[in-house]
């Protein structure tokens, strides 16, 4: 597969959240449980990062 063909293949990140939810609940073979788990993990990590950043910025404001 050439790099051009690789770049044109759809990925999970090119779909809307609604499309992913619909696909995960459908009878199709994809997205598989691993893909759904990976997306869930990424969103969980983003929320953790948000919480840490808010906590650190709050501590900085309190120390000022």
N, C-alpha and C. Protein backbone atom coordinates (compact mmCIF):
# COMPACT_ATOMS: atom_id res chain seq x y z
N UNK A 1 0.84 -1.17 0.00
CA UNK A 1 0.00 0.00 0.00
C UNK A 1 0.89 1.24 0.00
N UNK A 2 0.61 2.15 -0.86
CA UNK A 2 1.41 3.37 -0.93
C UNK A 2 1.01 4.32 0.18
N UNK A 3 1.86 5.30 0.46
CA UNK A 3 1.54 6.26 1.52
C UNK A 3 0.33 7.10 1.14
N UNK A 4 0.12 7.35 -0.19
CA UNK A 4 -1.06 8.11 -0.61
C UNK A 4 -2.34 7.34 -0.31
N UNK A 5 -2.32 6.03 -0.56
CA UNK A 5 -3.50 5.21 -0.29
C UNK A 5 -3.76 5.13 1.21
N UNK A 6 -2.69 5.10 1.99
CA UNK A 6 -2.81 5.04 3.43
C UNK A 6 -3.47 6.31 3.98
N UNK A 7 -3.13 7.44 3.42
CA UNK A 7 -3.66 8.71 3.89
C UNK A 7 -5.12 8.92 3.53
N UNK A 8 -5.65 8.17 2.57
CA UNK A 8 -7.03 8.37 2.16
C UNK A 8 -7.99 7.39 2.84
N UNK A 9 -7.47 6.42 3.57
CA UNK A 9 -8.33 5.47 4.26
C UNK A 9 -9.00 6.17 5.45
N UNK A 10 -10.28 5.89 5.68
CA UNK A 10 -10.94 6.52 6.83
C UNK A 10 -10.40 5.97 8.15
N UNK A 11 -10.37 6.81 9.13
CA UNK A 11 -9.96 6.38 10.47
C UNK A 11 -11.10 6.67 11.43
N UNK A 12 -10.96 6.21 12.63
CA UNK A 12 -11.98 6.49 13.64
C UNK A 12 -12.12 7.99 13.89
N UNK A 13 -11.04 8.73 13.70
CA UNK A 13 -11.04 10.17 14.01
C UNK A 13 -11.71 11.00 12.93
N UNK A 14 -12.07 10.40 11.79
CA UNK A 14 -12.73 11.16 10.74
C UNK A 14 -14.25 11.08 10.83
N UNK A 15 -14.76 10.37 11.82
CA UNK A 15 -16.20 10.20 11.98
C UNK A 15 -16.71 11.07 13.12
N UNK A 16 -17.99 11.40 13.04
CA UNK A 16 -18.60 12.13 14.15
C UNK A 16 -18.85 11.17 15.30
N UNK A 17 -19.09 11.74 16.48
CA UNK A 17 -19.38 10.91 17.65
C UNK A 17 -20.64 10.08 17.41
N UNK A 18 -21.63 10.67 16.77
CA UNK A 18 -22.87 9.94 16.50
C UNK A 18 -22.63 8.76 15.56
N UNK A 19 -21.79 8.95 14.55
CA UNK A 19 -21.47 7.86 13.63
C UNK A 19 -20.76 6.72 14.36
N UNK A 20 -19.86 7.06 15.28
CA UNK A 20 -19.16 6.03 16.04
C UNK A 20 -20.11 5.27 16.96
N UNK A 21 -21.02 5.99 17.60
CA UNK A 21 -22.00 5.33 18.46
C UNK A 21 -22.90 4.41 17.66
N UNK A 22 -23.35 4.88 16.52
CA UNK A 22 -24.20 4.06 15.66
C UNK A 22 -23.46 2.81 15.18
N UNK A 23 -22.21 2.98 14.79
CA UNK A 23 -21.42 1.84 14.29
C UNK A 23 -21.13 0.85 15.41
N UNK A 24 -20.85 1.35 16.61
CA UNK A 24 -20.54 0.45 17.73
C UNK A 24 -21.75 -0.39 18.12
N UNK A 25 -22.93 0.14 17.93
CA UNK A 25 -24.14 -0.59 18.28
C UNK A 25 -24.74 -1.40 17.15
N UNK A 26 -24.10 -1.36 15.99
CA UNK A 26 -24.66 -2.07 14.84
C UNK A 26 -24.16 -3.51 14.78
N UNK A 27 -24.62 -4.23 13.79
CA UNK A 27 -24.20 -5.63 13.61
C UNK A 27 -22.94 -5.75 12.76
N UNK A 28 -22.40 -4.62 12.34
CA UNK A 28 -21.17 -4.68 11.52
C UNK A 28 -19.99 -5.12 12.38
N UNK A 29 -18.98 -5.62 11.72
CA UNK A 29 -17.80 -6.14 12.43
C UNK A 29 -16.89 -5.03 12.95
N UNK A 30 -17.04 -3.85 12.42
CA UNK A 30 -16.19 -2.74 12.87
C UNK A 30 -17.05 -1.57 13.28
N UNK A 31 -16.71 -0.72 14.21
CA UNK A 31 -15.49 -0.80 15.00
C UNK A 31 -15.57 -1.93 16.02
N UNK A 32 -14.45 -2.55 16.24
CA UNK A 32 -14.41 -3.66 17.19
C UNK A 32 -14.33 -3.12 18.60
N UNK A 33 -14.43 -4.00 19.56
CA UNK A 33 -14.35 -3.61 20.96
C UNK A 33 -13.04 -2.91 21.29
N UNK A 34 -11.97 -3.32 20.64
CA UNK A 34 -10.67 -2.68 20.89
C UNK A 34 -10.66 -1.22 20.47
N UNK A 35 -11.30 -0.92 19.35
CA UNK A 35 -11.36 0.46 18.88
C UNK A 35 -12.19 1.32 19.83
N UNK A 36 -13.32 0.77 20.26
CA UNK A 36 -14.18 1.51 21.18
C UNK A 36 -13.46 1.72 22.51
N UNK A 37 -12.75 0.69 22.97
CA UNK A 37 -11.98 0.81 24.21
C UNK A 37 -10.89 1.86 24.08
N UNK A 38 -10.21 1.89 22.95
CA UNK A 38 -9.15 2.88 22.73
C UNK A 38 -9.71 4.29 22.75
N UNK A 39 -10.83 4.50 22.10
CA UNK A 39 -11.43 5.84 22.09
C UNK A 39 -11.86 6.24 23.49
N UNK A 40 -12.46 5.31 24.22
CA UNK A 40 -12.87 5.59 25.59
C UNK A 40 -11.67 5.95 26.46
N UNK A 41 -10.59 5.22 26.28
CA UNK A 41 -9.37 5.51 27.03
C UNK A 41 -8.79 6.87 26.72
N UNK A 42 -8.81 7.24 25.46
CA UNK A 42 -8.28 8.55 25.05
C UNK A 42 -9.11 9.68 25.65
N UNK A 43 -10.44 9.52 25.63
CA UNK A 43 -11.29 10.54 26.23
C UNK A 43 -11.11 10.59 27.74
N UNK A 44 -10.94 9.44 28.37
CA UNK A 44 -10.68 9.41 29.81
C UNK A 44 -9.39 10.10 30.16
N UNK A 45 -8.36 9.87 29.36
CA UNK A 45 -7.08 10.53 29.58
C UNK A 45 -7.19 12.04 29.38
N UNK A 46 -7.97 12.46 28.40
CA UNK A 46 -8.17 13.89 28.18
C UNK A 46 -8.86 14.53 29.39
N UNK A 47 -9.85 13.84 29.96
CA UNK A 47 -10.52 14.37 31.15
C UNK A 47 -9.58 14.42 32.34
N UNK A 48 -8.72 13.43 32.49
CA UNK A 48 -7.73 13.44 33.56
C UNK A 48 -6.77 14.61 33.39
N UNK A 49 -6.33 14.84 32.16
CA UNK A 49 -5.44 15.96 31.87
C UNK A 49 -6.12 17.29 32.21
N UNK A 50 -7.38 17.40 31.87
CA UNK A 50 -8.15 18.60 32.20
C UNK A 50 -8.19 18.82 33.70
N UNK A 51 -8.48 17.78 34.46
CA UNK A 51 -8.55 17.90 35.91
C UNK A 51 -7.20 18.29 36.51
N UNK A 52 -6.13 17.70 36.03
CA UNK A 52 -4.79 18.04 36.53
C UNK A 52 -4.46 19.49 36.20
N UNK A 53 -4.73 19.91 34.98
CA UNK A 53 -4.44 21.30 34.60
C UNK A 53 -5.25 22.29 35.42
N UNK A 54 -6.52 21.99 35.67
CA UNK A 54 -7.34 22.88 36.50
C UNK A 54 -6.82 22.94 37.93
N UNK A 55 -6.42 21.79 38.46
CA UNK A 55 -5.89 21.74 39.81
C UNK A 55 -4.59 22.53 39.93
N UNK A 56 -3.70 22.35 38.95
CA UNK A 56 -2.43 23.07 38.98
C UNK A 56 -2.63 24.57 38.83
N UNK A 57 -3.54 24.97 37.97
CA UNK A 57 -3.76 26.41 37.78
C UNK A 57 -4.42 27.02 39.02
N UNK A 58 -5.28 26.26 39.69
CA UNK A 58 -5.92 26.74 40.92
C UNK A 58 -4.88 26.91 42.03
N UNK A 59 -3.96 25.96 42.14
CA UNK A 59 -2.90 26.06 43.15
C UNK A 59 -2.02 27.27 42.87
N UNK A 60 -1.73 27.52 41.61
CA UNK A 60 -0.91 28.67 41.22
C UNK A 60 -1.61 29.97 41.59
N UNK A 61 -2.91 30.06 41.35
CA UNK A 61 -3.67 31.25 41.69
C UNK A 61 -3.73 31.47 43.19
N UNK A 62 -3.86 30.40 43.96
CA UNK A 62 -3.93 30.52 45.41
C UNK A 62 -2.60 30.95 46.02
N UNK A 63 -1.50 30.57 45.38
CA UNK A 63 -0.16 30.93 45.88
C UNK A 63 0.22 32.37 45.54
N UNK A 64 -0.47 32.97 44.58
CA UNK A 64 -0.13 34.33 44.15
C UNK A 64 -0.59 35.36 45.14
